C-alpha atoms as a PDB file:
ATOM      1  CA  UNK A   1     105.870 136.961  80.431  1.00  0.00           C
ATOM      2  CA  UNK A   2     104.887 136.996  76.799  1.00  0.00           C
ATOM      3  CA  UNK A   3     101.229 136.496  75.848  1.00  0.00           C
ATOM      4  CA  UNK A   4     102.178 134.482  72.764  1.00  0.00           C
ATOM      5  CA  UNK A   5     103.079 130.831  72.923  1.00  0.00           C
ATOM      6  CA  UNK A   6     105.818 129.187  70.972  1.00  0.00           C
ATOM      7  CA  UNK A   7     105.288 126.126  68.788  1.00  0.00           C
ATOM      8  CA  UNK A   8     104.568 122.964  70.816  1.00  0.00           C
ATOM      9  CA  UNK A   9     103.524 124.839  73.966  1.00  0.00           C
ATOM     10  CA  UNK A  10     100.667 123.244  75.906  1.00  0.00           C
ATOM     11  CA  UNK A  11      97.568 125.047  77.044  1.00  0.00           C
ATOM     12  CA  UNK A  12      96.951 125.104  80.783  1.00  0.00           C
ATOM     13  CA  UNK A  13      94.146 122.490  80.572  1.00  0.00           C
ATOM     14  CA  UNK A  14      96.260 120.178  78.405  1.00  0.00           C
ATOM     15  CA  UNK A  15      99.140 120.573  80.839  1.00  0.00           C
ATOM     16  CA  UNK A  16      96.873 119.577  83.771  1.00  0.00           C
ATOM     17  CA  UNK A  17      95.606 116.523  81.875  1.00  0.00           C
ATOM     18  CA  UNK A  18      99.163 115.482  81.066  1.00  0.00           C
ATOM     19  CA  UNK A  19     100.220 115.876  84.696  1.00  0.00           C
ATOM     20  CA  UNK A  20      97.292 113.666  85.776  1.00  0.00           C
ATOM     21  CA  UNK A  21      98.260 111.002  83.263  1.00  0.00           C
ATOM     22  CA  UNK A  22     101.903 111.032  84.345  1.00  0.00           C
ATOM     23  CA  UNK A  23     100.878 110.868  88.023  1.00  0.00           C
ATOM     24  CA  UNK A  24      98.673 107.837  87.259  1.00  0.00           C
ATOM     25  CA  UNK A  25     101.503 106.099  85.402  1.00  0.00           C
ATOM     26  CA  UNK A  26     103.895 106.667  88.306  1.00  0.00           C
ATOM     27  CA  UNK A  27     101.322 105.258  90.750  1.00  0.00           C
ATOM     28  CA  UNK A  28     101.000 102.145  88.560  1.00  0.00           C
ATOM     29  CA  UNK A  29     104.764 101.685  88.707  1.00  0.00           C
ATOM     30  CA  UNK A  30     104.734 101.922  92.517  1.00  0.00           C
ATOM     31  CA  UNK A  31     101.681  99.674  93.011  1.00  0.00           C
ATOM     32  CA  UNK A  32     101.521  97.441  89.963  1.00  0.00           C
ATOM     33  CA  UNK A  33      97.800  96.639  89.832  1.00  0.00           C
ATOM     34  CA  UNK A  34      95.750  96.227  86.687  1.00  0.00           C
ATOM     35  CA  UNK A  35      91.994  96.871  87.006  1.00  0.00           C
ATOM     36  CA  UNK A  36      89.319  96.321  84.404  1.00  0.00           C
ATOM     37  CA  UNK A  37      85.524  96.507  84.604  1.00  0.00           C
ATOM     38  CA  UNK A  38      82.937  95.935  81.919  1.00  0.00           C
ATOM     39  CA  UNK A  39      80.586  93.544  80.195  1.00  0.00           C
ATOM     40  CA  UNK A  40      82.364  90.394  79.027  1.00  0.00           C
ATOM     41  CA  UNK A  41      79.181  89.243  77.269  1.00  0.00           C
ATOM     42  CA  UNK A  42      75.792  90.824  76.990  1.00  0.00           C
ATOM     43  CA  UNK A  43      74.325  90.846  80.497  1.00  0.00           C
ATOM     44  CA  UNK A  44      77.458  89.487  82.201  1.00  0.00           C
ATOM     45  CA  UNK A  45      79.403  92.125  84.127  1.00  0.00           C
ATOM     46  CA  UNK A  46      82.943  91.458  85.317  1.00  0.00           C
ATOM     47  CA  UNK A  47      85.400  93.352  87.490  1.00  0.00           C
ATOM     48  CA  UNK A  48      88.993  92.081  87.348  1.00  0.00           C
ATOM     49  CA  UNK A  49      91.998  93.114  89.416  1.00  0.00           C
ATOM     50  CA  UNK A  50      95.433  91.627  88.760  1.00  0.00           C
ATOM     51  CA  UNK A  51      98.196  92.404  91.219  1.00  0.00           C
ATOM     52  CA  UNK A  52     101.597  91.811  89.688  1.00  0.00           C
ATOM     53  CA  UNK A  53     104.015  89.731  91.730  1.00  0.00           C
ATOM     54  CA  UNK A  54     106.352  91.648  93.979  1.00  0.00           C
ATOM     55  CA  UNK A  55     109.745  90.608  92.630  1.00  0.00           C
ATOM     56  CA  UNK A  56     111.762  92.884  94.886  1.00  0.00           C
ATOM     57  CA  UNK A  57     114.338  91.043  96.982  1.00  0.00           C
ATOM     58  CA  UNK A  58     113.017  90.044 100.374  1.00  0.00           C
ATOM     59  CA  UNK A  59     115.087  89.987 103.515  1.00  0.00           C
ATOM     60  CA  UNK A  60     114.749  86.827 105.580  1.00  0.00           C
ATOM     61  CA  UNK A  61     113.093  87.564 108.885  1.00  0.00           C
ATOM     62  CA  UNK A  62     113.771  85.604 112.041  1.00  0.00           C
ATOM     63  CA  UNK A  63     116.386  83.429 110.370  1.00  0.00           C
ATOM     64  CA  UNK A  64     113.730  81.372 108.580  1.00  0.00           C
ATOM     65  CA  UNK A  65     114.917  79.747 105.421  1.00  0.00           C
ATOM     66  CA  UNK A  66     112.367  78.633 102.851  1.00  0.00           C
ATOM     67  CA  UNK A  67     112.955  76.745  99.700  1.00  0.00           C
ATOM     68  CA  UNK A  68     113.934  78.714  96.642  1.00  0.00           C
ATOM     69  CA  UNK A  69     110.487  77.956  95.162  1.00  0.00           C
ATOM     70  CA  UNK A  70     108.754  79.558  98.159  1.00  0.00           C
ATOM     71  CA  UNK A  71     110.593  82.815  97.529  1.00  0.00           C
ATOM     72  CA  UNK A  72     109.228  83.085  93.982  1.00  0.00           C
ATOM     73  CA  UNK A  73     106.674  85.893  93.759  1.00  0.00           C
ATOM     74  CA  UNK A  74     103.005  84.891  93.560  1.00  0.00           C
ATOM     75  CA  UNK A  75     100.301  86.303  91.306  1.00  0.00           C
ATOM     76  CA  UNK A  76      97.146  87.485  93.035  1.00  0.00           C
ATOM     77  CA  UNK A  77      93.941  88.276  91.172  1.00  0.00           C
ATOM     78  CA  UNK A  78      90.376  88.953  92.172  1.00  0.00           C
ATOM     79  CA  UNK A  79      87.411  88.635  89.895  1.00  0.00           C
ATOM     80  CA  UNK A  80      83.748  89.496  90.378  1.00  0.00           C
ATOM     81  CA  UNK A  81      81.211  88.154  87.912  1.00  0.00           C
ATOM     82  CA  UNK A  82      77.510  88.905  87.811  1.00  0.00           C
ATOM     83  CA  UNK A  83      75.779  85.999  86.099  1.00  0.00           C
ATOM     84  CA  UNK A  84      72.076  85.930  85.251  1.00  0.00           C
ATOM     85  CA  UNK A  85      71.455  82.469  86.767  1.00  0.00           C
ATOM     86  CA  UNK A  86      73.828  82.660  89.759  1.00  0.00           C
ATOM     87  CA  UNK A  87      74.055  86.326  90.696  1.00  0.00           C
ATOM     88  CA  UNK A  88      77.344  87.817  91.842  1.00  0.00           C
ATOM     89  CA  UNK A  89      80.307  85.479  92.361  1.00  0.00           C
ATOM     90  CA  UNK A  90      83.649  86.632  93.750  1.00  0.00           C
ATOM     91  CA  UNK A  91      86.849  84.736  92.966  1.00  0.00           C
ATOM     92  CA  UNK A  92      90.192  85.153  94.719  1.00  0.00           C
ATOM     93  CA  UNK A  93      92.990  83.494  92.729  1.00  0.00           C
ATOM     94  CA  UNK A  94      96.564  82.959  93.842  1.00  0.00           C
ATOM     95  CA  UNK A  95      99.034  81.469  91.389  1.00  0.00           C
ATOM     96  CA  UNK A  96     102.581  80.430  92.169  1.00  0.00           C
ATOM     97  CA  UNK A  97     104.421  78.173  89.765  1.00  0.00           C
ATOM     98  CA  UNK A  98     102.352  75.009  89.330  1.00  0.00           C
ATOM     99  CA  UNK A  99     100.207  75.782  92.388  1.00  0.00           C
ATOM    100  CA  UNK A 100      96.854  77.507  92.244  1.00  0.00           C
ATOM    101  CA  UNK A 101      94.434  78.426  95.029  1.00  0.00           C
ATOM    102  CA  UNK A 102      90.892  79.582  94.273  1.00  0.00           C
ATOM    103  CA  UNK A 103      88.358  80.908  96.744  1.00  0.00           C
ATOM    104  CA  UNK A 104      84.854  81.181  95.286  1.00  0.00           C
ATOM    105  CA  UNK A 105      82.308  83.259  97.204  1.00  0.00           C
ATOM    106  CA  UNK A 106      78.604  83.982  96.823  1.00  0.00           C
ATOM    107  CA  UNK A 107      76.007  85.635  99.064  1.00  0.00           C
ATOM    108  CA  UNK A 108      73.587  82.790  98.267  1.00  0.00           C
ATOM    109  CA  UNK A 109      73.615  79.448 100.125  1.00  0.00           C
ATOM    110  CA  UNK A 110      72.222  77.716  97.010  1.00  0.00           C
ATOM    111  CA  UNK A 111      74.992  79.072  94.787  1.00  0.00           C
ATOM    112  CA  UNK A 112      77.664  78.030  97.295  1.00  0.00           C
ATOM    113  CA  UNK A 113      76.189  74.499  97.230  1.00  0.00           C
ATOM    114  CA  UNK A 114      76.369  74.483  93.404  1.00  0.00           C
ATOM    115  CA  UNK A 115      79.977  75.693  93.546  1.00  0.00           C
ATOM    116  CA  UNK A 116      80.802  72.971  96.101  1.00  0.00           C
ATOM    117  CA  UNK A 117      79.221  70.353  93.833  1.00  0.00           C
ATOM    118  CA  UNK A 118      81.393  71.464  90.904  1.00  0.00           C
ATOM    119  CA  UNK A 119      84.704  71.698  92.777  1.00  0.00           C
ATOM    120  CA  UNK A 120      85.997  68.270  91.732  1.00  0.00           C
ATOM    121  CA  UNK A 121      85.267  68.944  88.061  1.00  0.00           C
ATOM    122  CA  UNK A 122      87.131  72.249  88.295  1.00  0.00           C
ATOM    123  CA  UNK A 123      90.006  70.574  90.166  1.00  0.00           C
ATOM    124  CA  UNK A 124      90.268  67.895  87.435  1.00  0.00           C
ATOM    125  CA  UNK A 125      90.289  70.537  84.698  1.00  0.00           C
ATOM    126  CA  UNK A 126      93.009  72.583  86.409  1.00  0.00           C
ATOM    127  CA  UNK A 127      95.111  69.474  87.051  1.00  0.00           C
ATOM    128  CA  UNK A 128      94.739  68.513  83.369  1.00  0.00           C
ATOM    129  CA  UNK A 129      96.152  71.974  82.498  1.00  0.00           C
ATOM    130  CA  UNK A 130      99.369  71.273  84.400  1.00  0.00           C
ATOM    131  CA  UNK A 131      98.707  72.485  87.936  1.00  0.00           C
ATOM    132  CA  UNK A 132     100.232  70.044  90.415  1.00  0.00           C
ATOM    133  CA  UNK A 133      98.549  71.523  93.506  1.00  0.00           C
ATOM    134  CA  UNK A 134      95.006  72.853  93.362  1.00  0.00           C
ATOM    135  CA  UNK A 135      93.293  74.294  96.442  1.00  0.00           C
ATOM    136  CA  UNK A 136      89.602  75.142  96.067  1.00  0.00           C
ATOM    137  CA  UNK A 137      87.283  76.707  98.603  1.00  0.00           C
ATOM    138  CA  UNK A 138      83.633  77.671  98.085  1.00  0.00           C
ATOM    139  CA  UNK A 139      82.080  79.735 100.847  1.00  0.00           C
ATOM    140  CA  UNK A 140      79.363  82.160 101.736  1.00  0.00           C
ATOM    141  CA  UNK A 141      80.358  85.784 101.169  1.00  0.00           C
ATOM    142  CA  UNK A 142      79.850  88.053 104.130  1.00  0.00           C
ATOM    143  CA  UNK A 143      78.554  91.563 103.647  1.00  0.00           C
ATOM    144  CA  UNK A 144      81.138  94.321 104.238  1.00  0.00           C
ATOM    145  CA  UNK A 145      79.505  95.271 107.563  1.00  0.00           C
ATOM    146  CA  UNK A 146      79.656  91.641 108.757  1.00  0.00           C
ATOM    147  CA  UNK A 147      83.410  91.228 108.298  1.00  0.00           C
ATOM    148  CA  UNK A 148      85.634  91.249 111.356  1.00  0.00           C
ATOM    149  CA  UNK A 149      89.267  91.568 110.347  1.00  0.00           C
END
């Protein structure tokens, strides 16, 4: 093997970096999930995960037939916000056509009560934006060790 490299040849470290990047891109194609974390405003941290709808054809199981609308893929996103006045709030959002379902969670009973109090205002705003079905749930967030799934 020659010790000299031709024009355009990559160094070993550059080759490893490129392989890592290509591997990451292939993983994104297999599991289409977009993740972002950072400060949206000064002092307000947000973590966002958007899972792209699975538009692969589904086989009907057990002979069940749903409406064509039910077979449309749904968008699923999760969002965690850390707000100075409310602390950490987790949001699970599911969007399918004109239907939206939001689950709002906090570790604080007081924050959950504030979220409950604002549900109708949020519902009205989402309905005004064209959503025909709006499902909202505000609940206490369990710690990871407390979850039984």
